[in-house]
Amino acid sequence: MPTIAENILFAQLALRSRPGFPGTGIIPGGQPLIRGPARIADPKDGVVKNFDYLSRSVSCPSSLPRPEGQTCDEYPFASTWQGAEWVPADQWSCRFVPKAEQDYQGADIRKFHDENRLWRNPTGKVTDTTGRPQGSYWVWVSNAPTTPPTFTQCQNHM
């Protein structure tokens, strides 16, 4: 998923909060990502909706035209409390990526959550027995370029 990896790396290095970035010793880390609930009441209208839908509708609204064969990828992930619905506009990133990469990433994230028993955190504030946020994790991009890539963010098309 090279295009998605670039989007994640760009966000981790460029966004002030460095979401999900564990740090390198040279570059300071940010806060871990925290998995959200499956469904939640929409803060705008109170209707219960899929949690990830709320962030995706902010970062990648259906009104945003997509290039042929591309889809919109957001970071931090829409399934986390750091997704676009829950943080200021300057704390998330999105980029058009090949649809095949996006499909693979979605399955990969679900598998990662399940295999690592990353429980859903209904409020983003629930902690586990160690005192860490329940369902929290870091995202490390392997084989990443040494400098952030240059590309147009989806926000520039809104």
C-alpha atoms as a PDB file:
ATOM      1  CA  MET A   1       0.000   0.000   0.000  1.00  0.00           C
ATOM      2  CA  PRO A   2       2.632   2.558  -1.012  1.00  0.00           C
ATOM      3  CA  THR A   3       0.248   5.463  -1.646  1.00  0.00           C
ATOM      4  CA  ILE A   4      -1.536   4.958   1.672  1.00  0.00           C
ATOM      5  CA  ALA A   5       1.832   4.619   3.450  1.00  0.00           C
ATOM      6  CA  GLU A   6       2.819   8.026   2.062  1.00  0.00           C
ATOM      7  CA  ASN A   7      -0.439   9.543   3.306  1.00  0.00           C
ATOM      8  CA  ILE A   8       0.114   8.102   6.797  1.00  0.00           C
ATOM      9  CA  LEU A   9       3.745   9.222   6.903  1.00  0.00           C
ATOM     10  CA  PHE A  10       2.847  12.721   5.692  1.00  0.00           C
ATOM     11  CA  ALA A  11       0.211  13.063   8.384  1.00  0.00           C
ATOM     12  CA  GLN A  12       2.404  11.701  11.136  1.00  0.00           C
ATOM     13  CA  LEU A  13       5.261  14.063  10.328  1.00  0.00           C
ATOM     14  CA  ALA A  14       3.309  17.129   9.216  1.00  0.00           C
ATOM     15  CA  LEU A  15       0.418  17.303  11.660  1.00  0.00           C
ATOM     16  CA  ARG A  16       1.132  19.115  14.909  1.00  0.00           C
ATOM     17  CA  SER A  17      -0.137  16.258  17.097  1.00  0.00           C
ATOM     18  CA  ARG A  18       1.758  13.473  15.237  1.00  0.00           C
ATOM     19  CA  PRO A  19      -1.227  11.096  15.592  1.00  0.00           C
ATOM     20  CA  GLY A  20      -0.263   7.463  16.091  1.00  0.00           C
ATOM     21  CA  PHE A  21       3.434   8.163  15.472  1.00  0.00           C
ATOM     22  CA  PRO A  22       5.580   6.298  18.022  1.00  0.00           C
ATOM     23  CA  GLY A  23       8.593   8.586  17.561  1.00  0.00           C
ATOM     24  CA  THR A  24      12.095   7.726  16.430  1.00  0.00           C
ATOM     25  CA  GLY A  25      14.301   9.172  19.140  1.00  0.00           C
ATOM     26  CA  ILE A  26      15.123  12.043  16.767  1.00  0.00           C
ATOM     27  CA  ILE A  27      11.537  12.929  15.823  1.00  0.00           C
ATOM     28  CA  PRO A  28       9.203  13.099  18.832  1.00  0.00           C
ATOM     29  CA  GLY A  29       6.166  10.857  18.895  1.00  0.00           C
ATOM     30  CA  GLY A  30       2.547  11.788  19.322  1.00  0.00           C
ATOM     31  CA  GLN A  31      -0.353  10.144  21.073  1.00  0.00           C
ATOM     32  CA  PRO A  32      -1.502   6.616  20.186  1.00  0.00           C
ATOM     33  CA  LEU A  33      -4.608   6.146  18.079  1.00  0.00           C
ATOM     34  CA  ILE A  34      -7.659   5.009  20.063  1.00  0.00           C
ATOM     35  CA  ARG A  35     -10.210   2.720  18.455  1.00  0.00           C
ATOM     36  CA  GLY A  36     -13.757   4.059  18.596  1.00  0.00           C
ATOM     37  CA  PRO A  37     -17.061   2.235  19.112  1.00  0.00           C
ATOM     38  CA  ALA A  38     -18.951   0.498  16.304  1.00  0.00           C
ATOM     39  CA  ARG A  39     -21.845   2.966  16.454  1.00  0.00           C
ATOM     40  CA  ILE A  40     -22.443   6.297  18.156  1.00  0.00           C
ATOM     41  CA  ALA A  41     -24.992   9.105  18.265  1.00  0.00           C
ATOM     42  CA  ASP A  42     -24.125  11.788  15.714  1.00  0.00           C
ATOM     43  CA  PRO A  43     -23.233  14.966  17.657  1.00  0.00           C
ATOM     44  CA  LYS A  44     -25.088  17.034  15.030  1.00  0.00           C
ATOM     45  CA  ASP A  45     -28.474  15.310  15.003  1.00  0.00           C
ATOM     46  CA  GLY A  46     -28.400  12.592  17.707  1.00  0.00           C
ATOM     47  CA  VAL A  47     -29.086   9.797  15.204  1.00  0.00           C
ATOM     48  CA  VAL A  48     -27.049   6.648  15.883  1.00  0.00           C
ATOM     49  CA  LYS A  49     -24.646   5.993  12.987  1.00  0.00           C
ATOM     50  CA  ASN A  50     -21.561   3.926  12.244  1.00  0.00           C
ATOM     51  CA  PHE A  51     -18.663   5.575  14.072  1.00  0.00           C
ATOM     52  CA  ASP A  52     -16.284   5.558  11.085  1.00  0.00           C
ATOM     53  CA  TYR A  53     -18.980   7.052   8.822  1.00  0.00           C
ATOM     54  CA  LEU A  54     -18.955  10.279  10.858  1.00  0.00           C
ATOM     55  CA  SER A  55     -15.242  10.957  10.304  1.00  0.00           C
ATOM     56  CA  ARG A  56     -15.328   9.775   6.705  1.00  0.00           C
ATOM     57  CA  SER A  57     -18.192  12.170   5.930  1.00  0.00           C
ATOM     58  CA  VAL A  58     -15.975  15.054   7.108  1.00  0.00           C
ATOM     59  CA  SER A  59     -12.668  14.047   5.493  1.00  0.00           C
ATOM     60  CA  CYS A  60     -14.024  12.360   2.384  1.00  0.00           C
ATOM     61  CA  PRO A  61     -17.604  13.551   1.759  1.00  0.00           C
ATOM     62  CA  SER A  62     -19.528  11.918  -1.073  1.00  0.00           C
ATOM     63  CA  SER A  63     -19.714  15.358  -2.761  1.00  0.00           C
ATOM     64  CA  LEU A  64     -15.932  15.276  -3.285  1.00  0.00           C
ATOM     65  CA  PRO A  65     -15.237  14.191  -6.882  1.00  0.00           C
ATOM     66  CA  ARG A  66     -12.845  11.272  -7.106  1.00  0.00           C
ATOM     67  CA  PRO A  67     -10.445  10.642  -9.965  1.00  0.00           C
ATOM     68  CA  GLU A  68     -11.203   7.477 -11.952  1.00  0.00           C
ATOM     69  CA  GLY A  69     -10.095   4.340 -10.053  1.00  0.00           C
ATOM     70  CA  GLN A  70      -9.264   6.368  -6.944  1.00  0.00           C
ATOM     71  CA  THR A  71     -10.864   6.641  -3.546  1.00  0.00           C
ATOM     72  CA  CYS A  72     -10.310   8.958  -0.620  1.00  0.00           C
ATOM     73  CA  ASP A  73      -8.033   7.779   2.201  1.00  0.00           C
ATOM     74  CA  GLU A  74      -8.019   9.608   5.529  1.00  0.00           C
ATOM     75  CA  TYR A  75      -5.536   9.571   8.379  1.00  0.00           C
ATOM     76  CA  PRO A  76      -5.876   9.232  11.304  1.00  0.00           C
ATOM     77  CA  PHE A  77      -8.175   6.332  10.544  1.00  0.00           C
ATOM     78  CA  ALA A  78     -11.920   7.029  10.591  1.00  0.00           C
ATOM     79  CA  SER A  79     -12.318   4.159  13.066  1.00  0.00           C
ATOM     80  CA  THR A  80     -10.382   6.097  15.742  1.00  0.00           C
ATOM     81  CA  TRP A  81     -11.151   8.963  18.097  1.00  0.00           C
ATOM     82  CA  GLN A  82      -8.503  10.944  16.199  1.00  0.00           C
ATOM     83  CA  GLY A  83     -10.592  10.801  12.990  1.00  0.00           C
ATOM     84  CA  ALA A  84     -11.753  13.974  11.236  1.00  0.00           C
ATOM     85  CA  GLU A  85     -15.100  14.195  13.084  1.00  0.00           C
ATOM     86  CA  TRP A  86     -13.410  14.422  16.475  1.00  0.00           C
ATOM     87  CA  VAL A  87     -10.366  16.666  15.933  1.00  0.00           C
ATOM     88  CA  PRO A  88      -9.741  20.136  14.426  1.00  0.00           C
ATOM     89  CA  ALA A  89      -9.457  20.390  10.633  1.00  0.00           C
ATOM     90  CA  ASP A  90      -5.681  20.850  10.778  1.00  0.00           C
ATOM     91  CA  GLN A  91      -5.246  17.513  12.573  1.00  0.00           C
ATOM     92  CA  TRP A  92      -6.179  15.091   9.814  1.00  0.00           C
ATOM     93  CA  SER A  93      -5.081  14.360   6.278  1.00  0.00           C
ATOM     94  CA  CYS A  94      -6.661  12.779   3.229  1.00  0.00           C
ATOM     95  CA  ARG A  95      -5.390  11.781  -0.179  1.00  0.00           C
ATOM     96  CA  PHE A  96      -6.727  10.076  -3.272  1.00  0.00           C
ATOM     97  CA  VAL A  97      -5.370   6.536  -3.492  1.00  0.00           C
ATOM     98  CA  PRO A  98      -5.941   3.527  -5.760  1.00  0.00           C
ATOM     99  CA  LYS A  99      -9.185   1.750  -4.780  1.00  0.00           C
ATOM    100  CA  ALA A 100      -7.380  -1.614  -4.558  1.00  0.00           C
ATOM    101  CA  GLU A 101      -5.039  -0.219  -1.882  1.00  0.00           C
ATOM    102  CA  GLN A 102      -7.971   1.181   0.097  1.00  0.00           C
ATOM    103  CA  ASP A 103      -9.840  -2.137  -0.013  1.00  0.00           C
ATOM    104  CA  TYR A 104      -6.750  -4.005   1.169  1.00  0.00           C
ATOM    105  CA  GLN A 105      -6.096  -1.493   3.946  1.00  0.00           C
ATOM    106  CA  GLY A 106      -9.637  -1.779   5.330  1.00  0.00           C
ATOM    107  CA  ALA A 107      -9.350  -5.553   5.610  1.00  0.00           C
ATOM    108  CA  ASP A 108      -5.843  -5.242   7.053  1.00  0.00           C
ATOM    109  CA  ILE A 109      -6.949  -2.807   9.786  1.00  0.00           C
ATOM    110  CA  ARG A 110      -9.914  -5.024  10.773  1.00  0.00           C
ATOM    111  CA  LYS A 111      -7.607  -8.051  10.987  1.00  0.00           C
ATOM    112  CA  PHE A 112      -5.070  -6.047  13.049  1.00  0.00           C
ATOM    113  CA  HIS A 113      -7.769  -4.927  15.506  1.00  0.00           C
ATOM    114  CA  ASP A 114      -9.058  -8.487  15.915  1.00  0.00           C
ATOM    115  CA  GLU A 115      -5.703 -10.263  16.168  1.00  0.00           C
ATOM    116  CA  ASN A 116      -4.368  -7.767  18.711  1.00  0.00           C
ATOM    117  CA  ARG A 117      -7.601  -7.669  20.719  1.00  0.00           C
ATOM    118  CA  LEU A 118      -7.919  -3.919  20.377  1.00  0.00           C
ATOM    119  CA  TRP A 119     -11.251  -3.447  22.085  1.00  0.00           C
ATOM    120  CA  ARG A 120     -13.510  -0.605  21.101  1.00  0.00           C
ATOM    121  CA  ASN A 121     -13.373   2.445  23.344  1.00  0.00           C
ATOM    122  CA  PRO A 122     -16.894   3.917  23.668  1.00  0.00           C
ATOM    123  CA  THR A 123     -15.782   7.362  24.882  1.00  0.00           C
ATOM    124  CA  GLY A 124     -12.072   7.538  24.012  1.00  0.00           C
ATOM    125  CA  LYS A 125     -11.389   7.849  27.736  1.00  0.00           C
ATOM    126  CA  VAL A 126     -11.779   4.243  28.970  1.00  0.00           C
ATOM    127  CA  THR A 127      -8.442   2.834  30.198  1.00  0.00           C
ATOM    128  CA  ASP A 128      -7.179  -0.740  30.458  1.00  0.00           C
ATOM    129  CA  THR A 129      -5.478  -2.335  33.470  1.00  0.00           C
ATOM    130  CA  THR A 130      -2.171  -0.611  32.634  1.00  0.00           C
ATOM    131  CA  GLY A 131      -3.758   2.846  32.575  1.00  0.00           C
ATOM    132  CA  ARG A 132      -3.396   3.216  28.789  1.00  0.00           C
ATOM    133  CA  PRO A 133      -6.472   4.085  26.737  1.00  0.00           C
ATOM    134  CA  GLN A 134      -8.365   0.912  25.865  1.00  0.00           C
ATOM    135  CA  GLY A 135      -7.927   0.016  22.206  1.00  0.00           C
ATOM    136  CA  SER A 136      -4.890   2.286  21.771  1.00  0.00           C
ATOM    137  CA  TYR A 137      -2.092   1.560  19.309  1.00  0.00           C
ATOM    138  CA  TRP A 138       0.781   3.057  17.312  1.00  0.00           C
ATOM    139  CA  VAL A 139       1.157   3.061  13.534  1.00  0.00           C
ATOM    140  CA  TRP A 140       4.658   2.496  12.179  1.00  0.00           C
ATOM    141  CA  VAL A 141       5.170   2.893   8.427  1.00  0.00           C
ATOM    142  CA  SER A 142       7.882   0.522   7.195  1.00  0.00           C
ATOM    143  CA  ASN A 143       9.999   1.179   4.101  1.00  0.00           C
ATOM    144  CA  ALA A 144       8.923   4.798   4.234  1.00  0.00           C
ATOM    145  CA  PRO A 145      10.650   7.579   2.296  1.00  0.00           C
ATOM    146  CA  THR A 146      13.009   9.703   4.369  1.00  0.00           C
ATOM    147  CA  THR A 147      11.118  12.915   3.619  1.00  0.00           C
ATOM    148  CA  PRO A 148       7.367  13.452   3.405  1.00  0.00           C
ATOM    149  CA  PRO A 149       6.003  13.143  -0.126  1.00  0.00           C
ATOM    150  CA  THR A 150       4.444  16.039  -1.972  1.00  0.00           C
ATOM    151  CA  PHE A 151       0.864  15.589  -3.104  1.00  0.00           C
ATOM    152  CA  THR A 152      -2.441  17.412  -3.120  1.00  0.00           C
ATOM    153  CA  GLN A 153      -4.612  16.833  -0.084  1.00  0.00           C
ATOM    154  CA  CYS A 154      -8.295  16.066  -0.648  1.00  0.00           C
ATOM    155  CA  GLN A 155      -9.169  19.203   1.346  1.00  0.00           C
ATOM    156  CA  ASN A 156      -7.786  21.266  -1.548  1.00  0.00           C
ATOM    157  CA  HIS A 157     -10.578  19.883  -3.726  1.00  0.00           C
ATOM    158  CA  MET A 158     -13.437  20.704  -1.349  1.00  0.00           C
END
